[in-house]
Amino acid sequence: MKGRVLVIGGTGHTGSYLVPRLVSSGYQVFVYARGTTQPYPYSPLWKRVTFISGNREEDEGKGILQEHIRAVKPDAIVDLIAFEPESAQALLEVLRGSDVHLLVCTTAWVYGKTRIIPTPEDAPRFPENDYARKKVEIEDILFAAWKAGKIRITVIRPTHITGPGKTFVTPFGDHDPGCLQRILNGEEIILLDGGFSTLHHVHPQDVAELFFAALENPRASVGEAFNCGARYAMTFFGLGEFIATSFGKPFRFRSMPLEEYTERFGYPEEAALHVRQGCCVLMQKAWELLGFVPRYTPEGAVLEAMYDLIARGILEVK
């Protein structure tokens, strides 16, 4: 075995691809999860994984997760569900002074409104909501500990994770598949502010592969944060047009300022955040330090997600 890896939250979108990748590469893998989510796509390699069932919030408070970590004695931990600063502090306490490589998933949302296109990892962070602000706190706690020599840390900042098993950010800016169905019906949709803000979809397999590359190259990855997006970003308009033409439909839309939409229909909180924040990250650092190039274009990730939604009966092609 190459080493022992504990994946926290390993049965979700990214873990479904990362865990089999680790097993096939010779790692002994332990997955800590609630056990309520089945990994996808299925792989027989999951039979070689040791599962640890638990509720993170409850287990951290009682010290149970920390005891699991001590019992596993991992060489590396991949934390895919770090949402609270208290979780980072709990990991820091149990790993302080060890050689364990901790790889943590945060988000490209830490940058807030797009100021630099594409956005590099050293751009200022101006988080727009509580989710992103907590991710910034997590990063700050862990990187401060790394600078003090207390922990070995790598951070991955994914963009809009898009692939089988979940909905994705639509051309309207939310996760409502109704927008996608209207496109498939050849019906008109609304593009907020003309649809020229940016979206940066990324397939979960590419997120998993960047985690794997960082794990395999600790000399290059420890102490670093890496963006994780597809090869390039798209506009909301470009996404809508691509979906329509991919299914042989005309792309019908009308532009509407966010303020007018809010006055007429109410404030679309999620869509407004996506449209007015934008997202387009630079992937150069992952290539230069880790030799990582995303396999998927955003169009490829979106098509896989669309076909999955159709196969599950959520969308219908008429």
C-alpha atoms as a PDB file:
ATOM      1  CA  MET A   1       0.000   0.000   0.000  1.00  0.00           C
ATOM      2  CA  LYS A   2       1.157   3.519  -0.831  1.00  0.00           C
ATOM      3  CA  GLY A   3      -0.352   4.944   2.336  1.00  0.00           C
ATOM      4  CA  ARG A   4      -3.481   5.324   4.427  1.00  0.00           C
ATOM      5  CA  VAL A   5      -5.949   8.020   3.338  1.00  0.00           C
ATOM      6  CA  LEU A   6      -9.026   9.107   5.265  1.00  0.00           C
ATOM      7  CA  VAL A   7     -11.656  10.846   3.111  1.00  0.00           C
ATOM      8  CA  ILE A   8     -14.155  12.858   5.121  1.00  0.00           C
ATOM      9  CA  GLY A   9     -17.438  13.045   3.201  1.00  0.00           C
ATOM     10  CA  GLY A  10     -16.270  10.552   0.588  1.00  0.00           C
ATOM     11  CA  THR A  11     -19.592   9.447  -0.909  1.00  0.00           C
ATOM     12  CA  GLY A  12     -20.639  12.765  -2.462  1.00  0.00           C
ATOM     13  CA  HIS A  13     -19.982  14.267  -5.880  1.00  0.00           C
ATOM     14  CA  THR A  14     -16.199  14.549  -5.669  1.00  0.00           C
ATOM     15  CA  GLY A  15     -15.623  11.557  -3.398  1.00  0.00           C
ATOM     16  CA  SER A  16     -17.479   9.270  -5.791  1.00  0.00           C
ATOM     17  CA  TYR A  17     -14.622   9.754  -8.246  1.00  0.00           C
ATOM     18  CA  LEU A  18     -11.755  10.307  -5.818  1.00  0.00           C
ATOM     19  CA  VAL A  19     -12.167   7.215  -3.626  1.00  0.00           C
ATOM     20  CA  PRO A  20     -11.985   4.622  -6.471  1.00  0.00           C
ATOM     21  CA  ARG A  21      -9.046   6.576  -7.911  1.00  0.00           C
ATOM     22  CA  LEU A  22      -7.189   6.276  -4.626  1.00  0.00           C
ATOM     23  CA  VAL A  23      -7.968   2.569  -4.258  1.00  0.00           C
ATOM     24  CA  SER A  24      -6.889   1.751  -7.819  1.00  0.00           C
ATOM     25  CA  SER A  25      -3.623   3.616  -7.224  1.00  0.00           C
ATOM     26  CA  GLY A  26      -2.670   1.493  -4.223  1.00  0.00           C
ATOM     27  CA  TYR A  27      -3.862   3.529  -1.250  1.00  0.00           C
ATOM     28  CA  GLN A  28      -5.642   2.022   1.726  1.00  0.00           C
ATOM     29  CA  VAL A  29      -8.770   4.160   1.919  1.00  0.00           C
ATOM     30  CA  PHE A  30     -11.095   4.934   4.821  1.00  0.00           C
ATOM     31  CA  VAL A  31     -14.291   6.923   4.239  1.00  0.00           C
ATOM     32  CA  TYR A  32     -16.023   8.824   7.027  1.00  0.00           C
ATOM     33  CA  ALA A  33     -19.615   9.653   6.068  1.00  0.00           C
ATOM     34  CA  ARG A  34     -23.173   9.529   7.357  1.00  0.00           C
ATOM     35  CA  GLY A  35     -23.951   6.574   5.137  1.00  0.00           C
ATOM     36  CA  THR A  36     -27.090   8.158   3.701  1.00  0.00           C
ATOM     37  CA  THR A  37     -25.614   8.856   0.249  1.00  0.00           C
ATOM     38  CA  GLN A  38     -24.632   6.173  -2.220  1.00  0.00           C
ATOM     39  CA  PRO A  39     -21.514   6.902  -4.291  1.00  0.00           C
ATOM     40  CA  TYR A  40     -21.873   7.236  -8.042  1.00  0.00           C
ATOM     41  CA  PRO A  41     -20.898   6.091 -10.539  1.00  0.00           C
ATOM     42  CA  TYR A  42     -20.671   2.659  -8.910  1.00  0.00           C
ATOM     43  CA  SER A  43     -17.314   0.875  -8.891  1.00  0.00           C
ATOM     44  CA  PRO A  44     -16.430  -2.545  -7.447  1.00  0.00           C
ATOM     45  CA  LEU A  45     -13.414  -0.832  -5.898  1.00  0.00           C
ATOM     46  CA  TRP A  46     -15.728   0.467  -3.160  1.00  0.00           C
ATOM     47  CA  LYS A  47     -15.699  -3.053  -1.711  1.00  0.00           C
ATOM     48  CA  ARG A  48     -12.082  -2.421  -0.713  1.00  0.00           C
ATOM     49  CA  VAL A  49     -12.926   0.719   1.260  1.00  0.00           C
ATOM     50  CA  THR A  50     -13.310   0.795   5.042  1.00  0.00           C
ATOM     51  CA  PHE A  51     -16.389   2.831   6.000  1.00  0.00           C
ATOM     52  CA  ILE A  52     -16.735   4.784   9.229  1.00  0.00           C
ATOM     53  CA  SER A  53     -20.273   5.967   9.876  1.00  0.00           C
ATOM     54  CA  GLY A  54     -20.894   9.185  11.741  1.00  0.00           C
ATOM     55  CA  ASN A  55     -22.409  12.646  11.946  1.00  0.00           C
ATOM     56  CA  ARG A  56     -19.630  15.196  11.744  1.00  0.00           C
ATOM     57  CA  GLU A  57     -21.189  17.971  13.794  1.00  0.00           C
ATOM     58  CA  GLU A  58     -22.112  15.611  16.617  1.00  0.00           C
ATOM     59  CA  ASP A  59     -18.911  13.576  16.475  1.00  0.00           C
ATOM     60  CA  GLU A  60     -16.598  16.594  16.511  1.00  0.00           C
ATOM     61  CA  GLY A  61     -18.280  18.019  19.578  1.00  0.00           C
ATOM     62  CA  LYS A  62     -17.901  14.725  21.419  1.00  0.00           C
ATOM     63  CA  GLY A  63     -14.356  14.106  20.170  1.00  0.00           C
ATOM     64  CA  ILE A  64     -15.465  10.958  18.330  1.00  0.00           C
ATOM     65  CA  LEU A  65     -14.194  12.059  14.893  1.00  0.00           C
ATOM     66  CA  GLN A  66     -10.857  12.920  16.457  1.00  0.00           C
ATOM     67  CA  GLU A  67     -10.704   9.419  17.942  1.00  0.00           C
ATOM     68  CA  HIS A  68     -11.473   7.904  14.532  1.00  0.00           C
ATOM     69  CA  ILE A  69      -8.552   9.862  13.089  1.00  0.00           C
ATOM     70  CA  ARG A  70      -6.202   8.627  15.792  1.00  0.00           C
ATOM     71  CA  ALA A  71      -7.375   5.037  15.249  1.00  0.00           C
ATOM     72  CA  VAL A  72      -6.955   5.163  11.461  1.00  0.00           C
ATOM     73  CA  LYS A  73      -3.483   6.729  11.721  1.00  0.00           C
ATOM     74  CA  PRO A  74      -3.750   8.238   8.233  1.00  0.00           C
ATOM     75  CA  ASP A  75      -0.872   9.512   6.164  1.00  0.00           C
ATOM     76  CA  ALA A  76      -3.274  11.953   4.540  1.00  0.00           C
ATOM     77  CA  ILE A  77      -6.780  13.301   5.124  1.00  0.00           C
ATOM     78  CA  VAL A  78      -8.995  14.667   2.356  1.00  0.00           C
ATOM     79  CA  ASP A  79     -11.754  16.811   3.864  1.00  0.00           C
ATOM     80  CA  LEU A  80     -14.520  17.338   1.302  1.00  0.00           C
ATOM     81  CA  ILE A  81     -17.144  18.662   3.730  1.00  0.00           C
ATOM     82  CA  ALA A  82     -15.369  21.395   5.671  1.00  0.00           C
ATOM     83  CA  PHE A  83     -18.135  23.967   6.184  1.00  0.00           C
ATOM     84  CA  GLU A  84     -17.505  25.320   9.682  1.00  0.00           C
ATOM     85  CA  PRO A  85     -14.404  27.017  11.126  1.00  0.00           C
ATOM     86  CA  GLU A  86     -14.853  24.818  14.208  1.00  0.00           C
ATOM     87  CA  SER A  87     -14.189  21.780  12.008  1.00  0.00           C
ATOM     88  CA  ALA A  88     -10.869  23.239  10.901  1.00  0.00           C
ATOM     89  CA  GLN A  89      -9.967  23.919  14.515  1.00  0.00           C
ATOM     90  CA  ALA A  90     -10.848  20.343  15.501  1.00  0.00           C
ATOM     91  CA  LEU A  91      -8.635  18.931  12.751  1.00  0.00           C
ATOM     92  CA  LEU A  92      -5.828  21.270  13.731  1.00  0.00           C
ATOM     93  CA  GLU A  93      -5.948  20.073  17.320  1.00  0.00           C
ATOM     94  CA  VAL A  94      -5.715  16.382  16.421  1.00  0.00           C
ATOM     95  CA  LEU A  95      -3.098  16.847  13.672  1.00  0.00           C
ATOM     96  CA  ARG A  96      -0.920  19.479  15.314  1.00  0.00           C
ATOM     97  CA  GLY A  97       2.741  18.587  14.935  1.00  0.00           C
ATOM     98  CA  SER A  98       2.120  15.475  12.828  1.00  0.00           C
ATOM     99  CA  ASP A  99       3.260  14.672   9.286  1.00  0.00           C
ATOM    100  CA  VAL A 100      -0.299  14.064   8.072  1.00  0.00           C
ATOM    101  CA  HIS A 101      -1.060  15.856   4.807  1.00  0.00           C
ATOM    102  CA  LEU A 102      -4.457  17.577   5.136  1.00  0.00           C
ATOM    103  CA  LEU A 103      -6.187  18.454   1.863  1.00  0.00           C
ATOM    104  CA  VAL A 104      -9.298  20.599   2.278  1.00  0.00           C
ATOM    105  CA  CYS A 105     -12.047  21.562  -0.138  1.00  0.00           C
ATOM    106  CA  THR A 106     -13.122  25.202   0.097  1.00  0.00           C
ATOM    107  CA  THR A 107     -14.606  27.123  -2.866  1.00  0.00           C
ATOM    108  CA  ALA A 108     -13.874  29.645  -5.609  1.00  0.00           C
ATOM    109  CA  TRP A 109     -16.640  31.713  -4.003  1.00  0.00           C
ATOM    110  CA  VAL A 110     -14.029  33.002  -1.541  1.00  0.00           C
ATOM    111  CA  TYR A 111     -13.081  35.602  -4.180  1.00  0.00           C
ATOM    112  CA  GLY A 112     -16.523  37.208  -4.154  1.00  0.00           C
ATOM    113  CA  LYS A 113     -17.334  39.501  -7.069  1.00  0.00           C
ATOM    114  CA  THR A 114     -15.003  38.838  -9.993  1.00  0.00           C
ATOM    115  CA  ARG A 115     -12.397  41.576 -10.218  1.00  0.00           C
ATOM    116  CA  ILE A 116      -9.665  39.843 -12.231  1.00  0.00           C
ATOM    117  CA  ILE A 117     -10.453  37.585 -15.211  1.00  0.00           C
ATOM    118  CA  PRO A 118      -9.369  34.858 -14.997  1.00  0.00           C
ATOM    119  CA  THR A 119      -8.945  35.020 -11.211  1.00  0.00           C
ATOM    120  CA  PRO A 120      -5.614  33.728  -9.800  1.00  0.00           C
ATOM    121  CA  GLU A 121      -5.214  32.141  -6.386  1.00  0.00           C
ATOM    122  CA  ASP A 122      -3.501  35.194  -4.910  1.00  0.00           C
ATOM    123  CA  ALA A 123      -6.395  37.522  -5.782  1.00  0.00           C
ATOM    124  CA  PRO A 124      -8.020  39.324  -2.838  1.00  0.00           C
ATOM    125  CA  ARG A 125     -10.883  37.440  -1.203  1.00  0.00           C
ATOM    126  CA  PHE A 126     -14.143  39.305  -0.683  1.00  0.00           C
ATOM    127  CA  PRO A 127     -16.725  36.616   0.186  1.00  0.00           C
ATOM    128  CA  GLU A 128     -20.330  37.564  -0.505  1.00  0.00           C
ATOM    129  CA  ASN A 129     -22.285  35.187   1.750  1.00  0.00           C
ATOM    130  CA  ASP A 130     -21.983  33.185   4.967  1.00  0.00           C
ATOM    131  CA  TYR A 131     -20.972  30.002   3.129  1.00  0.00           C
ATOM    132  CA  ALA A 132     -18.008  31.720   1.482  1.00  0.00           C
ATOM    133  CA  ARG A 133     -17.101  33.706   4.590  1.00  0.00           C
ATOM    134  CA  LYS A 134     -16.846  30.492   6.599  1.00  0.00           C
ATOM    135  CA  LYS A 135     -14.635  28.979   3.897  1.00  0.00           C
ATOM    136  CA  VAL A 136     -12.330  32.002   4.168  1.00  0.00           C
ATOM    137  CA  GLU A 137     -12.164  31.518   7.948  1.00  0.00           C
ATOM    138  CA  ILE A 138     -11.305  27.844   7.439  1.00  0.00           C
ATOM    139  CA  GLU A 139      -8.509  28.752   5.040  1.00  0.00           C
ATOM    140  CA  ASP A 140      -7.149  31.409   7.388  1.00  0.00           C
ATOM    141  CA  ILE A 141      -7.085  29.035  10.368  1.00  0.00           C
ATOM    142  CA  LEU A 142      -5.301  26.290   8.465  1.00  0.00           C
ATOM    143  CA  PHE A 143      -2.801  28.449   6.595  1.00  0.00           C
ATOM    144  CA  ALA A 144      -1.881  30.275   9.797  1.00  0.00           C
ATOM    145  CA  ALA A 145      -1.185  26.894  11.393  1.00  0.00           C
ATOM    146  CA  TRP A 146       0.902  25.844   8.380  1.00  0.00           C
ATOM    147  CA  LYS A 147       2.973  29.027   8.537  1.00  0.00           C
ATOM    148  CA  ALA A 148       3.574  28.327  12.242  1.00  0.00           C
ATOM    149  CA  GLY A 149       4.824  24.833  11.366  1.00  0.00           C
ATOM    150  CA  LYS A 150       1.932  23.060  13.076  1.00  0.00           C
ATOM    151  CA  ILE A 151       0.293  21.312  10.111  1.00  0.00           C
ATOM    152  CA  ARG A 152       0.773  20.343   6.436  1.00  0.00           C
ATOM    153  CA  ILE A 153      -2.108  21.775   4.423  1.00  0.00           C
ATOM    154  CA  THR A 154      -3.316  22.028   0.824  1.00  0.00           C
ATOM    155  CA  VAL A 155      -6.500  23.834  -0.219  1.00  0.00           C
ATOM    156  CA  ILE A 156      -8.550  23.173  -3.370  1.00  0.00           C
ATOM    157  CA  ARG A 157     -11.081  25.796  -4.507  1.00  0.00           C
ATOM    158  CA  PRO A 158     -13.621  24.269  -6.921  1.00  0.00           C
ATOM    159  CA  THR A 159     -15.931  26.379  -9.062  1.00  0.00           C
ATOM    160  CA  HIS A 160     -19.476  25.207  -9.985  1.00  0.00           C
ATOM    161  CA  ILE A 161     -19.336  21.407  -9.663  1.00  0.00           C
ATOM    162  CA  THR A 162     -21.372  19.975 -12.540  1.00  0.00           C
ATOM    163  CA  GLY A 163     -21.898  16.337 -13.441  1.00  0.00           C
ATOM    164  CA  PRO A 164     -24.118  13.274 -13.015  1.00  0.00           C
ATOM    165  CA  GLY A 165     -26.197  13.000  -9.891  1.00  0.00           C
ATOM    166  CA  LYS A 166     -26.984  16.651  -9.277  1.00  0.00           C
ATOM    167  CA  THR A 167     -28.509  19.744 -10.807  1.00  0.00           C
ATOM    168  CA  PHE A 168     -26.199  22.549 -11.914  1.00  0.00           C
ATOM    169  CA  VAL A 169     -26.234  26.328 -12.270  1.00  0.00           C
ATOM    170  CA  THR A 170     -28.594  27.099 -15.147  1.00  0.00           C
ATOM    171  CA  PRO A 171     -28.523  29.975 -17.655  1.00  0.00           C
ATOM    172  CA  PHE A 172     -30.902  31.813 -15.311  1.00  0.00           C
ATOM    173  CA  GLY A 173     -28.448  31.414 -12.437  1.00  0.00           C
ATOM    174  CA  ASP A 174     -30.201  28.993 -10.114  1.00  0.00           C
ATOM    175  CA  HIS A 175     -30.397  25.194  -9.792  1.00  0.00           C
ATOM    176  CA  ASP A 176     -34.021  24.892 -10.930  1.00  0.00           C
ATOM    177  CA  PRO A 177     -34.276  22.294 -13.728  1.00  0.00           C
ATOM    178  CA  GLY A 178     -37.420  24.095 -14.897  1.00  0.00           C
ATOM    179  CA  CYS A 179     -35.190  26.564 -16.752  1.00  0.00           C
ATOM    180  CA  LEU A 180     -33.483  23.676 -18.536  1.00  0.00           C
ATOM    181  CA  GLN A 181     -36.838  22.099 -19.412  1.00  0.00           C
ATOM    182  CA  ARG A 182     -38.026  25.341 -21.012  1.00  0.00           C
ATOM    183  CA  ILE A 183     -34.909  25.365 -23.171  1.00  0.00           C
ATOM    184  CA  LEU A 184     -35.558  21.756 -24.205  1.00  0.00           C
ATOM    185  CA  ASN A 185     -39.126  22.744 -25.065  1.00  0.00           C
ATOM    186  CA  GLY A 186     -37.879  25.559 -27.282  1.00  0.00           C
ATOM    187  CA  GLU A 187     -39.520  28.089 -24.952  1.00  0.00           C
ATOM    188  CA  GLU A 188     -38.261  31.512 -23.967  1.00  0.00           C
ATOM    189  CA  ILE A 189     -36.188  31.970 -20.822  1.00  0.00           C
ATOM    190  CA  ILE A 190     -35.021  35.094 -19.030  1.00  0.00           C
ATOM    191  CA  LEU A 191     -31.354  36.040 -19.009  1.00  0.00           C
ATOM    192  CA  LEU A 192     -30.593  38.397 -16.159  1.00  0.00           C
ATOM    193  CA  ASP A 193     -28.508  41.429 -17.161  1.00  0.00           C
ATOM    194  CA  GLY A 194     -28.189  40.090 -20.717  1.00  0.00           C
ATOM    195  CA  GLY A 195     -26.549  36.842 -19.643  1.00  0.00           C
ATOM    196  CA  PHE A 196     -23.001  38.089 -20.063  1.00  0.00           C
ATOM    197  CA  SER A 197     -21.713  37.365 -16.573  1.00  0.00           C
ATOM    198  CA  THR A 198     -19.461  34.320 -16.277  1.00  0.00           C
ATOM    199  CA  LEU A 199     -20.023  30.777 -15.031  1.00  0.00           C
ATOM    200  CA  HIS A 200     -17.226  28.278 -14.536  1.00  0.00           C
ATOM    201  CA  HIS A 201     -18.565  24.734 -14.477  1.00  0.00           C
ATOM    202  CA  VAL A 202     -16.228  21.887 -13.478  1.00  0.00           C
ATOM    203  CA  HIS A 203     -16.791  18.142 -13.590  1.00  0.00           C
ATOM    204  CA  PRO A 204     -16.408  16.363 -10.218  1.00  0.00           C
ATOM    205  CA  GLN A 205     -13.939  13.946 -11.805  1.00  0.00           C
ATOM    206  CA  ASP A 206     -11.614  16.872 -12.501  1.00  0.00           C
ATOM    207  CA  VAL A 207     -11.986  18.056  -8.908  1.00  0.00           C
ATOM    208  CA  ALA A 208     -11.104  14.547  -7.761  1.00  0.00           C
ATOM    209  CA  GLU A 209      -8.106  14.411 -10.093  1.00  0.00           C
ATOM    210  CA  LEU A 210      -6.722  17.686  -8.753  1.00  0.00           C
ATOM    211  CA  PHE A 211      -7.020  16.395  -5.189  1.00  0.00           C
ATOM    212  CA  PHE A 212      -5.221  13.247  -6.311  1.00  0.00           C
ATOM    213  CA  ALA A 213      -2.448  15.241  -8.027  1.00  0.00           C
ATOM    214  CA  ALA A 214      -1.955  17.351  -4.891  1.00  0.00           C
ATOM    215  CA  LEU A 215      -1.824  14.231  -2.712  1.00  0.00           C
ATOM    216  CA  GLU A 216       0.725  12.594  -5.003  1.00  0.00           C
ATOM    217  CA  ASN A 217       2.949  15.705  -5.092  1.00  0.00           C
ATOM    218  CA  PRO A 218       3.178  17.036  -1.526  1.00  0.00           C
ATOM    219  CA  ARG A 219       6.437  18.873  -2.158  1.00  0.00           C
ATOM    220  CA  ALA A 220       4.631  21.053  -4.685  1.00  0.00           C
ATOM    221  CA  SER A 221       1.221  21.237  -3.029  1.00  0.00           C
ATOM    222  CA  VAL A 222       1.776  21.666   0.719  1.00  0.00           C
ATOM    223  CA  GLY A 223       1.155  25.251   1.750  1.00  0.00           C
ATOM    224  CA  GLU A 224      -0.657  26.059  -1.485  1.00  0.00           C
ATOM    225  CA  ALA A 225      -4.206  26.833  -2.612  1.00  0.00           C
ATOM    226  CA  PHE A 226      -5.320  25.711  -6.078  1.00  0.00           C
ATOM    227  CA  ASN A 227      -8.252  26.817  -8.185  1.00  0.00           C
ATOM    228  CA  CYS A 228     -10.230  24.011  -9.789  1.00  0.00           C
ATOM    229  CA  GLY A 229     -12.382  24.853 -12.793  1.00  0.00           C
ATOM    230  CA  ALA A 230     -12.839  23.525 -16.306  1.00  0.00           C
ATOM    231  CA  ARG A 231     -10.493  24.603 -19.081  1.00  0.00           C
ATOM    232  CA  TYR A 232     -12.360  27.891 -19.449  1.00  0.00           C
ATOM    233  CA  ALA A 233     -15.527  29.638 -18.301  1.00  0.00           C
ATOM    234  CA  MET A 234     -18.766  30.402 -20.169  1.00  0.00           C
ATOM    235  CA  THR A 235     -21.324  33.183 -20.074  1.00  0.00           C
ATOM    236  CA  PHE A 236     -24.918  32.536 -19.073  1.00  0.00           C
ATOM    237  CA  PHE A 237     -25.870  33.345 -22.668  1.00  0.00           C
ATOM    238  CA  GLY A 238     -23.280  30.938 -24.029  1.00  0.00           C
ATOM    239  CA  LEU A 239     -24.495  28.183 -21.712  1.00  0.00           C
ATOM    240  CA  GLY A 240     -28.121  28.623 -22.752  1.00  0.00           C
ATOM    241  CA  GLU A 241     -27.283  28.702 -26.434  1.00  0.00           C
ATOM    242  CA  PHE A 242     -25.098  25.600 -26.106  1.00  0.00           C
ATOM    243  CA  ILE A 243     -27.811  23.591 -24.360  1.00  0.00           C
ATOM    244  CA  ALA A 244     -30.455  24.594 -26.894  1.00  0.00           C
ATOM    245  CA  THR A 245     -28.364  23.861 -29.981  1.00  0.00           C
ATOM    246  CA  SER A 246     -27.094  20.577 -28.491  1.00  0.00           C
ATOM    247  CA  PHE A 247     -30.676  19.310 -28.416  1.00  0.00           C
ATOM    248  CA  GLY A 248     -31.693  20.783 -31.755  1.00  0.00           C
ATOM    249  CA  LYS A 249     -33.758  23.646 -30.331  1.00  0.00           C
ATOM    250  CA  PRO A 250     -33.737  27.363 -31.098  1.00  0.00           C
ATOM    251  CA  PHE A 251     -32.434  29.440 -28.242  1.00  0.00           C
ATOM    252  CA  ARG A 252     -35.189  31.852 -27.274  1.00  0.00           C
ATOM    253  CA  PHE A 253     -34.519  34.375 -24.534  1.00  0.00           C
ATOM    254  CA  ARG A 254     -35.131  37.905 -23.431  1.00  0.00           C
ATOM    255  CA  SER A 255     -32.811  40.027 -21.375  1.00  0.00           C
ATOM    256  CA  MET A 256     -34.035  41.605 -18.176  1.00  0.00           C
ATOM    257  CA  PRO A 257     -32.131  43.697 -15.631  1.00  0.00           C
ATOM    258  CA  LEU A 258     -32.019  42.133 -12.199  1.00  0.00           C
ATOM    259  CA  GLU A 259     -33.778  45.177 -10.749  1.00  0.00           C
ATOM    260  CA  GLU A 260     -36.708  44.838 -13.158  1.00  0.00           C
ATOM    261  CA  TYR A 261     -36.995  41.115 -12.494  1.00  0.00           C
ATOM    262  CA  THR A 262     -37.027  41.767  -8.750  1.00  0.00           C
ATOM    263  CA  GLU A 263     -39.740  44.406  -9.089  1.00  0.00           C
ATOM    264  CA  ARG A 264     -41.932  42.116 -11.186  1.00  0.00           C
ATOM    265  CA  PHE A 265     -41.314  38.668  -9.687  1.00  0.00           C
ATOM    266  CA  GLY A 266     -39.397  39.073  -6.449  1.00  0.00           C
ATOM    267  CA  TYR A 267     -35.699  38.913  -5.647  1.00  0.00           C
ATOM    268  CA  PRO A 268     -34.056  35.741  -7.049  1.00  0.00           C
ATOM    269  CA  GLU A 269     -31.453  35.384  -4.308  1.00  0.00           C
ATOM    270  CA  GLU A 270     -29.415  32.474  -5.692  1.00  0.00           C
ATOM    271  CA  ALA A 271     -29.533  33.688  -9.299  1.00  0.00           C
ATOM    272  CA  ALA A 272     -28.639  37.232  -8.271  1.00  0.00           C
ATOM    273  CA  LEU A 273     -25.572  35.985  -6.411  1.00  0.00           C
ATOM    274  CA  HIS A 274     -24.344  33.983  -9.401  1.00  0.00           C
ATOM    275  CA  VAL A 275     -25.071  36.685 -11.965  1.00  0.00           C
ATOM    276  CA  ARG A 276     -23.716  39.660 -10.047  1.00  0.00           C
ATOM    277  CA  GLN A 277     -20.717  37.783  -8.637  1.00  0.00           C
ATOM    278  CA  GLY A 278     -19.469  35.956 -11.730  1.00  0.00           C
ATOM    279  CA  CYS A 279     -16.816  33.247 -11.737  1.00  0.00           C
ATOM    280  CA  CYS A 280     -13.830  32.646 -13.999  1.00  0.00           C
ATOM    281  CA  VAL A 281     -10.693  31.244 -12.378  1.00  0.00           C
ATOM    282  CA  LEU A 282      -7.166  30.845 -13.671  1.00  0.00           C
ATOM    283  CA  MET A 283      -5.917  27.241 -13.865  1.00  0.00           C
ATOM    284  CA  GLN A 284      -2.260  28.004 -14.579  1.00  0.00           C
ATOM    285  CA  LYS A 285      -0.957  27.280 -11.071  1.00  0.00           C
ATOM    286  CA  ALA A 286      -2.303  23.702 -11.032  1.00  0.00           C
ATOM    287  CA  TRP A 287      -0.543  23.073 -14.338  1.00  0.00           C
ATOM    288  CA  GLU A 288       2.742  24.694 -13.368  1.00  0.00           C
ATOM    289  CA  LEU A 289       3.089  23.025  -9.941  1.00  0.00           C
ATOM    290  CA  LEU A 290       1.217  19.739 -10.407  1.00  0.00           C
ATOM    291  CA  GLY A 291       1.034  19.182 -14.152  1.00  0.00           C
ATOM    292  CA  PHE A 292      -2.764  19.118 -13.881  1.00  0.00           C
ATOM    293  CA  VAL A 293      -4.975  19.885 -16.884  1.00  0.00           C
ATOM    294  CA  PRO A 294      -8.769  19.493 -16.599  1.00  0.00           C
ATOM    295  CA  ARG A 295     -10.114  16.683 -18.737  1.00  0.00           C
ATOM    296  CA  TYR A 296     -13.551  18.227 -19.188  1.00  0.00           C
ATOM    297  CA  THR A 297     -14.631  21.383 -20.928  1.00  0.00           C
ATOM    298  CA  PRO A 298     -17.606  23.103 -19.281  1.00  0.00           C
ATOM    299  CA  GLU A 299     -19.743  21.925 -22.199  1.00  0.00           C
ATOM    300  CA  GLY A 300     -18.724  18.322 -21.571  1.00  0.00           C
ATOM    301  CA  ALA A 301     -19.588  18.557 -17.887  1.00  0.00           C
ATOM    302  CA  VAL A 302     -22.951  20.166 -18.661  1.00  0.00           C
ATOM    303  CA  LEU A 303     -23.868  17.535 -21.253  1.00  0.00           C
ATOM    304  CA  GLU A 304     -23.137  14.680 -18.834  1.00  0.00           C
ATOM    305  CA  ALA A 305     -25.299  16.383 -16.218  1.00  0.00           C
ATOM    306  CA  MET A 306     -28.086  16.962 -18.757  1.00  0.00           C
ATOM    307  CA  TYR A 307     -28.118  13.345 -19.939  1.00  0.00           C
ATOM    308  CA  ASP A 308     -28.223  12.178 -16.318  1.00  0.00           C
ATOM    309  CA  LEU A 309     -31.191  14.435 -15.540  1.00  0.00           C
ATOM    310  CA  ILE A 310     -32.963  13.080 -18.628  1.00  0.00           C
ATOM    311  CA  ALA A 311     -32.188   9.460 -17.697  1.00  0.00           C
ATOM    312  CA  ARG A 312     -33.618  10.013 -14.201  1.00  0.00           C
ATOM    313  CA  GLY A 313     -36.814  11.543 -15.580  1.00  0.00           C
ATOM    314  CA  ILE A 314     -36.155  15.019 -14.164  1.00  0.00           C
ATOM    315  CA  LEU A 315     -35.937  16.444 -17.699  1.00  0.00           C
ATOM    316  CA  GLU A 316     -37.839  15.334 -20.787  1.00  0.00           C
ATOM    317  CA  VAL A 317     -36.768  15.659 -24.407  1.00  0.00           C
ATOM    318  CA  LYS A 318     -39.840  16.151 -26.555  1.00  0.00           C
END
